[in-house]
């Protein structure tokens, strides 16, 4: 993964929303796209070396658990449903693995029964904003509206509050983190990820397995996209192989140590 730097000029970012791929510019000079050099050989990713580390720490954002423990935190982004989430939930239920699913307004309206199932089976339903905007350019009042609409809909479906937020596309600023923190959210980023969201570029289950396993490290927060056929087919094997290496899967609610 290429290393991303602080945006001092207009940067063109490839993003995805509801399955449509397009180019969007982020004009905010203090915006960041969460990116880093990937982990190798069980070592940590380069997040601690990135220029945005201090902003994450100040706003108590999560991207790692306790790096002295072989624990993993599995998270999925659910912007829209591509037919694979039921199978993902089946694997998690069979393997007894907790996960967090970050959902949008589109997903809530389109797949209410799947959202209910996530909650009923013990998973966290997290906030991924209502319309998937770039929060770094979204006014404070609009950020609150985006988050409140998801919060209210999730509560209506599950009866549970949402304490966790994943900023759309991993784009953030100190202001957007502060606003969401003041609204009671813990921003959740990640330390393991790969380009899995492009449904037109899937390479097979073995590829997904290799991409995740070669980045595995203690305390990792894993980001996967539920639209990926590769992820769905590789998930069971990833869980089994990680456990064979001594790793345990935990819920974000158990993440007590934030490593910066």
Protein backbone atom coordinates (compact mmCIF):
# COMPACT_ATOMS: atom_id res chain seq x y z
CA UNK A 1 0.00 0.00 0.00
CA UNK A 2 1.36 3.42 -0.88
CA UNK A 3 2.09 5.74 1.96
CA UNK A 4 -0.30 8.69 2.14
CA UNK A 5 0.86 12.10 3.28
CA UNK A 6 -1.01 15.10 4.68
CA UNK A 7 -2.96 16.80 1.97
CA UNK A 8 -1.42 20.20 1.25
CA UNK A 9 -2.92 20.45 -2.23
CA UNK A 10 -5.95 18.90 -3.81
CA UNK A 11 -5.43 15.12 -3.92
CA UNK A 12 -7.44 12.79 -6.12
CA UNK A 13 -8.65 9.73 -4.24
CA UNK A 14 -10.26 6.61 -5.68
CA UNK A 15 -13.35 5.89 -3.62
CA UNK A 16 -16.41 3.71 -3.74
CA UNK A 17 -19.97 4.23 -2.66
CA UNK A 18 -22.91 1.90 -3.23
CA UNK A 19 -20.86 0.00 -5.77
CA UNK A 20 -20.13 2.99 -8.02
CA UNK A 21 -16.46 3.82 -8.51
CA UNK A 22 -15.55 7.44 -9.07
CA UNK A 23 -12.88 10.04 -8.41
CA UNK A 24 -13.33 12.61 -5.67
CA UNK A 25 -11.10 15.46 -4.61
CA UNK A 26 -10.47 16.35 -0.99
CA UNK A 27 -9.80 20.10 -0.88
CA UNK A 28 -9.14 20.37 2.86
CA UNK A 29 -5.47 21.05 3.55
CA UNK A 30 -5.47 19.28 6.92
CA UNK A 31 -7.31 16.16 5.74
CA UNK A 32 -5.72 12.73 5.97
CA UNK A 33 -6.41 9.45 4.27
CA UNK A 34 -5.68 6.64 6.72
CA UNK A 35 -2.83 4.74 5.12
CA UNK A 36 0.45 3.14 6.12
CA UNK A 37 3.16 0.68 5.20
CA UNK A 38 1.83 -2.82 5.76
CA UNK A 39 3.00 -5.17 8.46
CA UNK A 40 5.62 -7.76 7.54
CA UNK A 41 6.73 -10.91 9.36
CA UNK A 42 4.55 -10.24 12.40
CA UNK A 43 5.86 -6.73 12.95
CA UNK A 44 3.64 -3.70 13.32
CA UNK A 45 2.40 -1.56 10.45
CA UNK A 46 3.94 1.91 10.17
CA UNK A 47 1.00 3.79 11.76
CA UNK A 48 3.12 4.99 14.67
CA UNK A 49 5.40 6.66 12.12
CA UNK A 50 2.65 8.52 10.28
CA UNK A 51 2.07 12.25 10.65
CA UNK A 52 -1.51 11.80 11.83
CA UNK A 53 -0.62 9.65 14.85
CA UNK A 54 -0.87 12.54 17.29
CA UNK A 55 -4.35 13.45 16.08
CA UNK A 56 -5.52 9.86 16.55
CA UNK A 57 -4.04 9.74 20.04
CA UNK A 58 -5.55 13.08 21.05
CA UNK A 59 -9.01 11.93 19.97
CA UNK A 60 -8.65 8.39 21.39
CA UNK A 61 -9.15 6.68 18.04
CA UNK A 62 -8.56 2.93 17.73
CA UNK A 63 -6.32 1.23 15.23
CA UNK A 64 -4.57 -1.37 17.42
CA UNK A 65 -5.24 -3.41 20.50
CA UNK A 66 -2.64 -4.72 22.93
CA UNK A 67 0.37 -5.49 20.75
CA UNK A 68 1.87 -7.70 23.45
CA UNK A 69 -1.04 -10.13 23.07
CA UNK A 70 -1.93 -12.37 20.13
CA UNK A 71 -5.42 -10.96 19.80
CA UNK A 72 -7.31 -9.88 16.68
CA UNK A 73 -10.31 -7.62 16.10
CA UNK A 74 -12.32 -8.41 12.99
CA UNK A 75 -14.28 -5.59 11.34
CA UNK A 76 -16.29 -5.26 8.13
CA UNK A 77 -17.45 -2.24 6.17
CA UNK A 78 -20.99 -2.68 4.82
CA UNK A 79 -21.77 0.19 2.46
CA UNK A 80 -24.12 -1.94 0.44
CA UNK A 81 -25.07 -5.60 0.18
CA UNK A 82 -23.50 -7.70 -2.55
CA UNK A 83 -24.97 -11.03 -1.48
CA UNK A 84 -22.15 -12.25 0.76
CA UNK A 85 -22.98 -11.04 4.28
CA UNK A 86 -25.25 -14.03 5.10
CA UNK A 87 -22.37 -16.40 4.32
CA UNK A 88 -19.97 -14.25 6.37
CA UNK A 89 -22.36 -14.39 9.32
CA UNK A 90 -22.66 -18.16 8.89
CA UNK A 91 -18.87 -18.55 9.12
CA UNK A 92 -18.62 -16.28 12.16
CA UNK A 93 -21.40 -18.21 13.90
CA UNK A 94 -19.81 -21.56 13.10
CA UNK A 95 -16.34 -20.42 14.24
CA UNK A 96 -17.70 -18.47 17.24
CA UNK A 97 -15.93 -15.27 16.23
CA UNK A 98 -17.22 -11.77 17.14
CA UNK A 99 -17.03 -8.99 14.60
CA UNK A 100 -18.06 -5.39 14.03
CA UNK A 101 -20.06 -4.35 10.97
CA UNK A 102 -19.97 -0.67 10.03
CA UNK A 103 -23.16 0.17 8.15
CA UNK A 104 -24.45 3.10 6.11
CA UNK A 105 -27.95 4.51 5.77
CA UNK A 106 -28.33 2.73 2.45
CA UNK A 107 -27.51 -0.59 4.10
CA UNK A 108 -29.91 0.00 6.97
CA UNK A 109 -32.79 0.75 4.63
CA UNK A 110 -31.95 -2.01 2.17
CA UNK A 111 -31.01 -4.83 4.58
CA UNK A 112 -32.76 -4.35 7.94
CA UNK A 113 -33.05 -8.10 8.57
CA UNK A 114 -29.31 -8.61 8.14
CA UNK A 115 -28.64 -5.75 10.55
CA UNK A 116 -30.95 -7.40 13.07
CA UNK A 117 -29.16 -10.70 12.55
CA UNK A 118 -25.76 -9.10 13.16
CA UNK A 119 -26.95 -7.79 16.50
CA UNK A 120 -28.83 -10.92 17.50
CA UNK A 121 -25.74 -13.06 16.88
CA UNK A 122 -23.62 -10.92 19.16
CA UNK A 123 -21.83 -8.67 16.69
CA UNK A 124 -21.34 -4.94 16.96
CA UNK A 125 -23.24 -2.76 14.50
CA UNK A 126 -21.12 0.34 13.99
CA UNK A 127 -21.71 3.72 12.34
CA UNK A 128 -20.33 4.28 8.84
CA UNK A 129 -22.39 7.49 8.32
CA UNK A 130 -25.72 7.84 6.56
CA UNK A 131 -24.59 8.83 3.06
CA UNK A 132 -20.85 7.98 3.12
CA UNK A 133 -19.51 11.54 2.73
CA UNK A 134 -15.99 12.84 3.19
CA UNK A 135 -16.26 13.96 6.81
CA UNK A 136 -13.22 16.21 6.47
CA UNK A 137 -15.27 18.59 4.29
CA UNK A 138 -18.61 18.05 6.04
CA UNK A 139 -19.77 20.86 8.38
CA UNK A 140 -20.07 20.04 12.07
CA UNK A 141 -23.88 20.12 12.08
CA UNK A 142 -24.03 17.84 9.05
CA UNK A 143 -21.61 15.37 10.63
CA UNK A 144 -23.91 15.16 13.64
CA UNK A 145 -26.90 14.65 11.36
CA UNK A 146 -25.13 11.90 9.40
CA UNK A 147 -24.25 10.05 12.59
CA UNK A 148 -27.58 10.61 14.33
CA UNK A 149 -29.61 9.18 11.45
CA UNK A 150 -27.63 5.94 11.53
CA UNK A 151 -27.74 5.83 15.32
CA UNK A 152 -31.50 6.22 15.41
CA UNK A 153 -32.12 3.63 12.70
CA UNK A 154 -29.82 1.07 14.32
CA UNK A 155 -31.51 1.59 17.66
CA UNK A 156 -34.92 1.14 16.04
CA UNK A 157 -33.79 -2.16 14.52
CA UNK A 158 -31.68 -3.57 17.35
CA UNK A 159 -32.49 -1.66 20.53
CA UNK A 160 -28.76 -1.00 20.96
CA UNK A 161 -26.68 2.16 20.99
CA UNK A 162 -23.70 2.66 18.67
CA UNK A 163 -20.41 3.62 20.34
CA UNK A 164 -18.15 3.08 17.31
CA UNK A 165 -17.62 5.03 14.09
CA UNK A 166 -15.57 4.25 11.01
CA UNK A 167 -15.03 7.39 8.92
CA UNK A 168 -16.06 6.79 5.29
CA UNK A 169 -13.10 5.92 3.05
CA UNK A 170 -10.76 6.44 5.99
CA UNK A 171 -10.69 10.20 5.33
CA UNK A 172 -10.56 12.42 8.41
CA UNK A 173 -9.31 15.63 9.92
CA UNK A 174 -8.67 16.69 13.47
CA UNK A 175 -11.98 18.57 13.37
CA UNK A 176 -14.01 15.58 12.15
CA UNK A 177 -12.47 13.32 14.79
CA UNK A 178 -13.15 15.87 17.52
CA UNK A 179 -16.76 16.43 16.45
CA UNK A 180 -17.52 12.71 16.38
CA UNK A 181 -15.70 12.12 19.66
CA UNK A 182 -17.79 14.85 21.27
CA UNK A 183 -20.87 13.02 19.99
CA UNK A 184 -19.76 9.98 22.01
CA UNK A 185 -18.04 7.95 19.29
CA UNK A 186 -14.81 6.01 19.26
CA UNK A 187 -13.31 6.28 15.78
CA UNK A 188 -12.14 2.87 14.60
CA UNK A 189 -9.43 2.55 11.98
CA UNK A 190 -7.34 -0.56 11.27
CA UNK A 191 -3.85 -2.04 11.02
CA UNK A 192 -4.56 -4.76 8.43
CA UNK A 193 -6.27 -4.10 5.11
CA UNK A 194 -5.87 -4.61 1.39
CA UNK A 195 -7.69 -3.51 -1.77
CA UNK A 196 -10.70 -5.79 -1.46
CA UNK A 197 -13.59 -3.41 -2.15
CA UNK A 198 -13.44 -3.44 -5.96
CA UNK A 199 -15.96 -6.11 -6.93
CA UNK A 200 -14.68 -6.05 -10.51
CA UNK A 201 -11.18 -7.01 -9.37
CA UNK A 202 -11.40 -10.20 -7.33
CA UNK A 203 -8.51 -12.65 -7.41
CA UNK A 204 -9.85 -15.68 -5.56
CA UNK A 205 -9.96 -16.93 -2.00
CA UNK A 206 -6.27 -17.82 -1.87
CA UNK A 207 -5.33 -14.24 -2.71
CA UNK A 208 -7.52 -12.86 0.08
CA UNK A 209 -6.10 -15.40 2.51
CA UNK A 210 -2.52 -14.51 1.58
CA UNK A 211 -3.13 -10.76 1.81
CA UNK A 212 -4.50 -11.01 5.35
CA UNK A 213 -2.18 -13.67 6.73
CA UNK A 214 1.04 -12.00 5.59
CA UNK A 215 0.07 -8.88 7.55
CA UNK A 216 -0.99 -10.69 10.74
CA UNK A 217 0.41 -9.19 13.94
CA UNK A 218 -0.53 -9.00 17.63
CA UNK A 219 -3.31 -6.57 18.48
CA UNK A 220 -4.40 -6.15 14.86
CA UNK A 221 -7.67 -4.52 13.88
CA UNK A 222 -8.58 -6.15 10.57
CA UNK A 223 -10.62 -4.28 7.94
CA UNK A 224 -12.47 -6.34 5.34
CA UNK A 225 -15.24 -5.32 2.96
CA UNK A 226 -18.29 -7.56 2.92
CA UNK A 227 -18.85 -6.99 -0.81
CA UNK A 228 -15.80 -9.14 -1.60
CA UNK A 229 -16.38 -12.68 -2.83
CA UNK A 230 -12.73 -13.44 -2.10
CA UNK A 231 -13.06 -12.41 1.55
CA UNK A 232 -16.19 -14.47 2.02
CA UNK A 233 -14.62 -17.61 0.62
CA UNK A 234 -11.36 -17.15 2.55
CA UNK A 235 -12.81 -16.13 5.91
CA UNK A 236 -13.06 -19.57 7.49
CA UNK A 237 -9.52 -20.46 6.45
CA UNK A 238 -8.19 -17.15 7.77
CA UNK A 239 -9.83 -17.74 11.16
CA UNK A 240 -8.54 -21.30 11.43
CA UNK A 241 -5.00 -20.39 10.36
CA UNK A 242 -4.83 -17.44 12.76
CA UNK A 243 -5.98 -19.63 15.62
CA UNK A 244 -3.40 -22.23 14.66
CA UNK A 245 -0.78 -19.51 15.19
CA UNK A 246 -2.11 -18.86 18.68
CA UNK A 247 -4.33 -15.87 17.94
CA UNK A 248 -7.72 -15.25 19.54
CA UNK A 249 -10.52 -13.14 18.10
CA UNK A 250 -12.05 -10.52 20.37
CA UNK A 251 -14.84 -7.95 20.22
CA UNK A 252 -14.06 -4.23 20.02
CA UNK A 253 -15.83 -4.00 23.38
CA UNK A 254 -12.88 -5.96 24.83
CA UNK A 255 -10.26 -3.62 23.36
CA UNK A 256 -8.98 -1.85 26.43
CA UNK A 257 -5.43 -1.05 25.37
CA UNK A 258 -4.88 1.49 22.62
CA UNK A 259 -1.35 1.41 21.26
CA UNK A 260 0.10 4.59 19.78
